Amino acid sequence: MGFAGLPPGSVLGGLHGAGLASLPLEGSSAVSQDGRCCGRGKADGEVESWTPGDPPPGMDELEQGLLMQPWAWLQLAENSLLAKAYITKKGYALLVSDLQQVWHEQVDSSVVSQRAKELNKRLTAPPAAFLCHLENLLRPLLKDDAHPGEAAAFSCDRLAEALILRVRSELSGLPFYWHFHCIQASPSLVSQHLIRPLMGMSLALQDHVRELAALLRMKDLEIQEYQESGATLSRGRLKTEPFEENSFLEQFMVEKLPKACSLGNGKPFVTNLQSLYVAVTKQEVQAAQKLQDAVSGETQISSSTSPQETDSQLLNQPEQPVSAAPALLAPEHQALGASDLVQKPQPSKLKRKKPRGLFS
């Protein structure tokens, strides 16, 4: 789970309501009058903070941040879910799946502010402060973190085409509620977060197996050379047969594959493969960024030279006298004077370059 720009220990403070304006939260952060969300104080009295007035991240940042987050496994009552989230100072993105369907929600600070007013009428704070509190609530649920989070109860309700993830906690003696309204994810979003990364992971694991098989064959050759030179094993139990890739694959398909494919509720995928998943998604983001930079660079080059500028450059060029001499001369001919060119003309034929294509 990612929380861009949010301090690890921040919680909601600066509450305004019936008798809460002067009630600070001990050991926690606060929201000052200028909207700053402050983290827990350091030993020397310094306080980490960030200002919501900074340039807001675009929705592209939320999408990229969510893509590079690992999946977490949740057990909410009878519901086993996979989830990932990314929170910034200006919004959040959430993705949830039960291996049958995928739900998604992405909102900005205006939606956060409106929903907070509807669900928590006695609490008033900047949207960034509510995002800080949501971070503190979700961290222990979606990410292994040494810092304890706020006590909260989570539940989910499935509707016809939606899933509502409900959060209930307490804040300074008052109840705090939040509802994540997730709708069914689009096919392109499912492809971006599941199909393409899983295909990339499969290709990466296939290359990994090939590298290991090649290494085993080299080890067999090394052992064979030792044996031919008279070396013997002092412990017979360490003796192995030469590696045969085809027979190994056949045995794996029969004996190991059924157990390896028992996905169950998705927990093995979350437990064992998230580092590879994150590495693959980061490659996707970097490749997309390089492509975007290349396209923007070409656009700048093409726009820097307009047709009007080209025409004006041609009109401003001085006229060149017509001469029988070739336009392109070799370096030694360029060093000669004008008289030498008249007395010893050096006619040369321009060799036309043969166009070269991709397959020529």
Protein backbone atom coordinates (compact mmCIF):
# COMPACT_ATOMS: atom_id res chain seq x y z
CA MET A 1 0.00 0.00 0.00
CA GLY A 2 1.40 3.40 -0.89
CA PHE A 3 0.88 6.69 0.87
CA ALA A 4 2.69 9.34 -1.14
CA GLY A 5 3.80 12.30 0.91
CA LEU A 6 2.01 11.21 4.07
CA PRO A 7 3.92 10.88 7.36
CA PRO A 8 3.86 7.33 8.74
CA GLY A 9 2.39 8.22 12.10
CA SER A 10 -0.14 10.87 11.18
CA VAL A 11 -3.70 10.84 12.48
CA LEU A 12 -6.56 13.27 12.24
CA GLY A 13 -6.41 16.22 14.59
CA GLY A 14 -7.58 19.77 14.85
CA LEU A 15 -11.16 18.65 15.30
CA HIS A 16 -13.91 21.22 15.52
CA GLY A 17 -17.23 20.33 17.00
CA ALA A 18 -19.10 20.34 20.23
CA GLY A 19 -16.41 20.97 22.81
CA LEU A 20 -13.55 19.58 20.64
CA ALA A 21 -11.90 22.73 19.37
CA SER A 22 -9.36 22.81 22.21
CA LEU A 23 -9.06 19.05 22.75
CA PRO A 24 -5.66 17.88 21.44
CA LEU A 25 -4.81 14.25 20.71
CA GLU A 26 -1.94 13.05 22.84
CA GLY A 27 0.94 11.34 21.04
CA SER A 28 -0.57 12.09 17.65
CA SER A 29 -0.44 14.69 14.95
CA ALA A 30 -2.71 17.64 14.39
CA VAL A 31 -4.10 19.68 11.58
CA SER A 32 -3.12 23.28 12.00
CA GLN A 33 -5.11 26.29 10.91
CA ASP A 34 -3.27 26.53 7.62
CA GLY A 35 -4.11 22.94 6.78
CA ARG A 36 -0.79 21.32 7.56
CA CYS A 37 -0.90 17.66 8.50
CA CYS A 38 1.86 16.97 10.97
CA GLY A 39 3.39 13.65 11.91
CA ARG A 40 4.50 12.47 15.32
CA GLY A 41 7.07 14.70 17.00
CA LYS A 42 10.72 13.72 16.98
CA ALA A 43 12.85 13.39 20.06
CA ASP A 44 14.34 16.85 19.64
CA GLY A 45 10.95 18.48 19.25
CA GLU A 46 10.93 18.72 15.46
CA VAL A 47 7.76 17.73 13.65
CA GLU A 48 7.59 16.33 10.15
CA SER A 49 4.90 18.05 8.11
CA TRP A 50 3.59 18.59 4.64
CA THR A 51 1.37 21.30 3.24
CA PRO A 52 -1.77 20.57 1.22
CA GLY A 53 -1.10 23.80 -0.68
CA ASP A 54 1.65 22.05 -2.65
CA PRO A 55 0.95 21.39 -6.35
CA PRO A 56 -1.74 18.68 -6.39
CA PRO A 57 -0.85 15.38 -8.05
CA GLY A 58 -2.76 14.54 -11.16
CA MET A 59 -4.90 11.49 -11.61
CA ASP A 60 -2.10 9.93 -13.60
CA GLU A 61 0.00 9.94 -10.45
CA LEU A 62 -2.71 8.03 -8.59
CA GLU A 63 -2.99 5.50 -11.39
CA GLN A 64 0.75 4.92 -11.58
CA GLY A 65 1.10 4.79 -7.82
CA LEU A 66 -1.68 2.22 -7.54
CA LEU A 67 -0.18 0.10 -10.29
CA MET A 68 3.15 -0.20 -8.48
CA GLN A 69 1.60 -1.25 -5.17
CA PRO A 70 1.66 -4.90 -4.08
CA TRP A 71 -1.52 -6.83 -3.41
CA ALA A 72 -2.59 -7.57 0.15
CA TRP A 73 -4.80 -10.40 1.36
CA LEU A 74 -7.78 -9.50 3.55
CA GLN A 75 -10.10 -11.68 5.57
CA LEU A 76 -13.22 -9.68 6.47
CA ALA A 77 -15.69 -12.00 8.19
CA GLU A 78 -16.52 -14.56 5.50
CA ASN A 79 -15.03 -12.54 2.64
CA SER A 80 -11.51 -13.24 1.39
CA LEU A 81 -10.30 -10.33 -0.71
CA LEU A 82 -7.21 -9.07 -2.48
CA ALA A 83 -6.72 -5.33 -2.20
CA LYS A 84 -4.25 -2.57 -2.96
CA ALA A 85 -4.43 1.17 -2.29
CA TYR A 86 -2.50 4.35 -2.96
CA ILE A 87 -3.14 7.58 -1.04
CA THR A 88 -1.76 11.04 -1.69
CA LYS A 89 -2.52 14.40 -0.11
CA LYS A 90 -5.17 15.06 -2.76
CA GLY A 91 -6.98 11.77 -3.16
CA TYR A 92 -6.78 7.99 -3.12
CA ALA A 93 -7.20 4.97 -5.40
CA LEU A 94 -8.39 1.55 -4.22
CA LEU A 95 -8.62 -1.79 -6.03
CA VAL A 96 -10.35 -4.86 -4.56
CA SER A 97 -10.92 -8.36 -5.96
CA ASP A 98 -12.45 -11.62 -4.76
CA LEU A 99 -10.89 -13.56 -7.71
CA GLN A 100 -14.29 -13.45 -9.42
CA GLN A 101 -14.75 -9.71 -9.86
CA VAL A 102 -12.65 -6.58 -9.51
CA TRP A 103 -13.89 -3.32 -7.96
CA HIS A 104 -12.26 0.10 -8.08
CA GLU A 105 -12.60 3.58 -6.61
CA GLN A 106 -10.54 6.68 -7.33
CA VAL A 107 -11.52 10.04 -5.83
CA ASP A 108 -10.02 13.48 -5.33
CA SER A 109 -10.08 15.81 -2.35
CA SER A 110 -13.47 17.33 -3.21
CA VAL A 111 -15.17 13.92 -2.99
CA VAL A 112 -13.30 13.20 0.26
CA SER A 113 -14.53 16.47 1.76
CA GLN A 114 -18.13 15.90 0.73
CA ARG A 115 -18.24 12.30 1.96
CA ALA A 116 -16.61 13.24 5.25
CA LYS A 117 -19.35 15.83 5.86
CA GLU A 118 -22.06 13.28 5.15
CA LEU A 119 -20.65 10.55 7.38
CA ASN A 120 -19.08 12.62 10.18
CA LYS A 121 -21.25 15.65 10.78
CA ARG A 122 -19.56 16.57 14.07
CA LEU A 123 -16.03 16.53 12.64
CA THR A 124 -14.62 19.34 10.53
CA ALA A 125 -11.12 19.24 9.04
CA PRO A 126 -9.37 19.73 5.68
CA PRO A 127 -9.64 16.83 3.22
CA ALA A 128 -5.92 16.15 3.59
CA ALA A 129 -6.43 15.52 7.29
CA PHE A 130 -9.07 12.87 6.63
CA LEU A 131 -6.68 11.25 4.15
CA CYS A 132 -4.03 11.20 6.86
CA HIS A 133 -6.44 9.40 9.16
CA LEU A 134 -7.46 6.91 6.49
CA GLU A 135 -3.80 6.16 5.95
CA ASN A 136 -3.39 5.35 9.61
CA LEU A 137 -6.42 3.08 9.51
CA LEU A 138 -5.51 1.19 6.35
CA ARG A 139 -1.80 0.72 6.95
CA PRO A 140 -2.02 -2.26 9.34
CA LEU A 141 -4.65 -3.83 7.09
CA LEU A 142 -2.80 -3.63 3.78
CA LYS A 143 0.84 -3.41 4.74
CA ASP A 144 3.11 -5.07 7.24
CA ASP A 145 4.26 -2.12 9.30
CA ALA A 146 6.01 -1.92 12.63
CA HIS A 147 4.01 1.17 13.56
CA PRO A 148 0.67 0.25 15.09
CA GLY A 149 -2.33 1.78 13.40
CA GLU A 150 -5.53 3.15 14.80
CA ALA A 151 -8.07 0.59 16.06
CA ALA A 152 -10.73 0.12 13.41
CA ALA A 153 -13.41 -2.33 12.30
CA PHE A 154 -13.76 -3.19 8.62
CA SER A 155 -16.68 -4.81 6.82
CA CYS A 156 -17.87 -5.05 3.23
CA ASP A 157 -21.26 -5.23 1.54
CA ARG A 158 -21.71 -6.54 -1.98
CA LEU A 159 -24.36 -4.97 -4.15
CA ALA A 160 -25.43 -5.79 -7.69
CA GLU A 161 -22.52 -4.04 -9.40
CA ALA A 162 -20.66 -2.49 -6.50
CA LEU A 163 -18.82 -3.22 -3.28
CA ILE A 164 -18.85 -0.96 -0.23
CA LEU A 165 -15.95 -1.26 2.20
CA ARG A 166 -17.00 0.23 5.54
CA VAL A 167 -14.59 1.53 8.15
CA ARG A 168 -15.55 2.37 11.72
CA SER A 169 -13.19 3.74 14.35
CA GLU A 170 -13.02 6.23 17.18
CA LEU A 171 -11.33 9.58 17.18
CA SER A 172 -11.00 11.66 20.32
CA GLY A 173 -14.00 9.90 21.84
CA LEU A 174 -16.20 10.39 18.79
CA PRO A 175 -17.03 7.72 16.20
CA PHE A 176 -15.42 8.08 12.79
CA TYR A 177 -16.98 6.43 9.73
CA TRP A 178 -15.83 6.00 6.17
CA HIS A 179 -17.28 4.17 3.17
CA PHE A 180 -15.26 3.20 0.11
CA HIS A 181 -17.76 3.03 -2.77
CA CYS A 182 -16.13 0.70 -5.29
CA ILE A 183 -17.68 0.01 -8.68
CA GLN A 184 -16.78 -2.74 -11.11
CA ALA A 185 -13.41 -2.10 -12.71
CA SER A 186 -13.19 -1.58 -16.44
CA PRO A 187 -11.61 -4.31 -18.62
CA SER A 188 -8.64 -2.04 -19.35
CA LEU A 189 -8.00 -1.58 -15.61
CA VAL A 190 -8.18 -5.35 -15.03
CA SER A 191 -5.72 -5.86 -17.85
CA GLN A 192 -3.39 -3.18 -16.46
CA HIS A 193 -3.30 -4.54 -12.90
CA LEU A 194 -3.72 -8.29 -13.44
CA ILE A 195 -3.49 -9.67 -16.97
CA ARG A 196 -0.41 -7.80 -18.21
CA PRO A 197 1.56 -8.08 -14.93
CA LEU A 198 0.78 -11.80 -14.64
CA MET A 199 1.88 -12.37 -18.23
CA GLY A 200 5.07 -10.46 -17.53
CA MET A 201 5.67 -12.50 -14.39
CA SER A 202 5.15 -15.74 -16.34
CA LEU A 203 7.72 -14.70 -18.96
CA ALA A 204 10.17 -13.66 -16.25
CA LEU A 205 9.79 -16.97 -14.44
CA GLN A 206 10.23 -18.85 -17.71
CA ASP A 207 13.52 -17.06 -18.36
CA HIS A 208 14.51 -17.81 -14.78
CA VAL A 209 13.91 -21.53 -15.33
CA ARG A 210 15.96 -21.48 -18.55
CA GLU A 211 18.86 -19.81 -16.77
CA LEU A 212 18.74 -22.41 -13.99
CA ALA A 213 18.59 -25.28 -16.51
CA ALA A 214 21.64 -23.90 -18.35
CA LEU A 215 23.48 -23.58 -15.04
CA LEU A 216 22.69 -27.20 -14.15
CA ARG A 217 24.02 -28.41 -17.51
CA MET A 218 27.26 -26.50 -16.90
CA LYS A 219 27.51 -28.04 -13.43
CA ASP A 220 27.09 -31.52 -14.94
CA LEU A 221 29.96 -30.86 -17.35
CA GLU A 222 32.09 -29.65 -14.48
CA ILE A 223 31.35 -32.78 -12.44
CA GLN A 224 32.06 -34.97 -15.48
CA GLU A 225 35.48 -33.40 -15.87
CA TYR A 226 36.24 -34.03 -12.19
CA GLN A 227 35.23 -37.66 -12.58
CA GLU A 228 37.36 -38.12 -15.70
CA SER A 229 40.35 -36.76 -13.81
CA GLY A 230 39.88 -39.40 -11.10
CA ALA A 231 37.98 -37.44 -8.46
CA THR A 232 35.46 -39.40 -6.36
CA LEU A 233 32.81 -38.48 -3.81
CA SER A 234 33.65 -39.11 -0.18
CA ARG A 235 29.93 -39.18 0.68
CA GLY A 236 27.87 -41.31 -1.65
CA ARG A 237 24.56 -39.75 -0.63
CA LEU A 238 25.58 -36.54 -2.45
CA LYS A 239 25.73 -38.29 -5.83
CA THR A 240 23.22 -36.95 -8.38
CA GLU A 241 22.19 -38.01 -11.87
CA PRO A 242 22.87 -35.74 -14.85
CA PHE A 243 20.11 -33.21 -15.36
CA GLU A 244 17.63 -34.06 -18.13
CA GLU A 245 15.36 -31.10 -18.75
CA ASN A 246 12.60 -32.95 -20.63
CA SER A 247 12.22 -35.69 -18.04
CA PHE A 248 12.29 -33.08 -15.26
CA LEU A 249 9.46 -31.11 -16.90
CA GLU A 250 7.37 -34.26 -17.39
CA GLN A 251 7.81 -35.24 -13.75
CA PHE A 252 6.97 -31.71 -12.62
CA MET A 253 3.74 -31.68 -14.64
CA VAL A 254 2.60 -34.93 -13.04
CA GLU A 255 3.76 -34.51 -9.45
CA LYS A 256 4.17 -30.81 -8.67
CA LEU A 257 1.80 -28.89 -10.95
CA PRO A 258 -1.50 -29.77 -9.18
CA LYS A 259 -0.21 -28.43 -5.87
CA ALA A 260 1.42 -25.40 -7.49
CA CYS A 261 -1.87 -24.40 -9.16
CA SER A 262 -3.95 -24.54 -5.96
CA LEU A 263 -4.58 -20.79 -5.80
CA GLY A 264 -7.23 -21.09 -3.10
CA ASN A 265 -8.24 -17.67 -1.79
CA GLY A 266 -5.25 -15.90 -3.34
CA LYS A 267 -3.10 -15.85 -0.23
CA PRO A 268 -0.18 -17.85 -1.78
CA PHE A 269 0.02 -15.31 -4.61
CA VAL A 270 0.21 -12.43 -2.12
CA THR A 271 2.69 -14.20 0.15
CA ASN A 272 5.24 -15.42 -2.39
CA LEU A 273 5.13 -13.32 -5.56
CA GLN A 274 4.60 -9.67 -4.64
CA SER A 275 8.23 -8.65 -5.03
CA LEU A 276 8.17 -9.97 -8.60
CA TYR A 277 4.78 -8.35 -9.23
CA VAL A 278 6.06 -4.93 -8.12
CA ALA A 279 9.22 -5.30 -10.24
CA VAL A 280 7.15 -6.12 -13.33
CA THR A 281 4.72 -3.24 -12.83
CA LYS A 282 7.60 -0.82 -12.34
CA GLN A 283 8.98 -1.93 -15.69
CA GLU A 284 5.56 -1.23 -17.23
CA VAL A 285 5.50 2.28 -15.79
CA GLN A 286 9.07 3.03 -16.88
CA ALA A 287 8.40 1.80 -20.41
CA ALA A 288 5.27 3.93 -20.66
CA GLN A 289 7.18 6.96 -19.37
CA LYS A 290 9.96 6.49 -21.93
CA LEU A 291 7.40 6.24 -24.72
CA GLN A 292 5.66 9.38 -23.52
CA ASP A 293 8.97 11.27 -23.34
CA ALA A 294 9.87 10.17 -26.86
CA VAL A 295 6.52 11.28 -28.27
CA SER A 296 6.67 14.64 -26.48
CA GLY A 297 10.24 15.17 -27.76
CA GLU A 298 9.21 14.53 -31.35
CA THR A 299 6.26 16.89 -30.95
CA GLN A 300 8.53 19.69 -29.70
CA ILE A 301 10.96 19.22 -32.59
CA SER A 302 8.20 19.27 -35.20
CA SER A 303 6.51 22.31 -33.65
CA SER A 304 9.77 24.28 -33.36
CA THR A 305 10.06 24.55 -37.18
CA SER A 306 6.82 25.81 -38.70
CA PRO A 307 6.13 26.09 -42.49
CA GLN A 308 6.16 29.90 -42.25
CA GLU A 309 9.64 29.89 -40.71
CA THR A 310 10.90 27.52 -43.42
CA ASP A 311 9.53 29.73 -46.22
CA SER A 312 11.06 32.88 -44.72
CA GLN A 313 14.43 31.16 -44.42
CA LEU A 314 14.33 30.19 -48.09
CA LEU A 315 13.36 33.72 -49.16
CA ASN A 316 16.15 35.35 -47.12
CA GLN A 317 18.91 33.15 -48.59
CA PRO A 318 21.16 35.03 -51.12
CA GLU A 319 21.00 33.87 -54.73
CA GLN A 320 23.89 31.66 -55.83
CA PRO A 321 25.41 32.10 -59.34
CA VAL A 322 24.75 29.25 -61.73
CA SER A 323 27.94 27.30 -62.37
CA ALA A 324 28.82 24.21 -64.34
CA ALA A 325 30.91 22.98 -61.42
CA PRO A 326 29.31 20.37 -59.16
CA ALA A 327 27.61 21.60 -56.03
CA LEU A 328 29.40 19.17 -53.72
CA LEU A 329 33.20 19.13 -54.02
CA ALA A 330 35.75 16.96 -52.39
CA PRO A 331 37.84 18.61 -49.63
CA GLU A 332 40.90 18.98 -51.83
CA HIS A 333 38.80 20.71 -54.51
CA GLN A 334 37.36 23.13 -51.99
CA ALA A 335 40.88 24.33 -51.12
CA LEU A 336 41.62 25.39 -54.73
CA GLY A 337 41.19 28.94 -55.97
CA ALA A 338 38.71 30.17 -58.56
CA SER A 339 41.31 30.19 -61.39
CA ASP A 340 42.23 26.60 -60.76
CA LEU A 341 38.62 25.60 -61.00
CA VAL A 342 38.34 27.22 -64.45
CA GLN A 343 41.59 25.77 -65.85
CA LYS A 344 41.19 22.29 -64.37
CA PRO A 345 37.55 21.47 -64.10
CA GLN A 346 36.91 18.37 -62.02
CA PRO A 347 33.58 17.05 -63.15
CA SER A 348 32.22 14.46 -60.79
CA LYS A 349 29.03 12.55 -60.76
CA LEU A 350 27.03 12.47 -57.61
CA LYS A 351 26.51 8.91 -56.54
CA ARG A 352 22.94 8.41 -55.59
CA LYS A 353 22.56 6.60 -52.32
CA LYS A 354 20.50 3.50 -52.49
CA PRO A 355 17.57 3.75 -50.08
CA ARG A 356 17.91 1.30 -47.27
CA GLY A 357 14.87 -0.15 -45.59
CA LEU A 358 14.49 -2.27 -42.53
CA PHE A 359 14.75 -5.56 -44.44
CA SER A 360 17.21 -4.50 -47.25
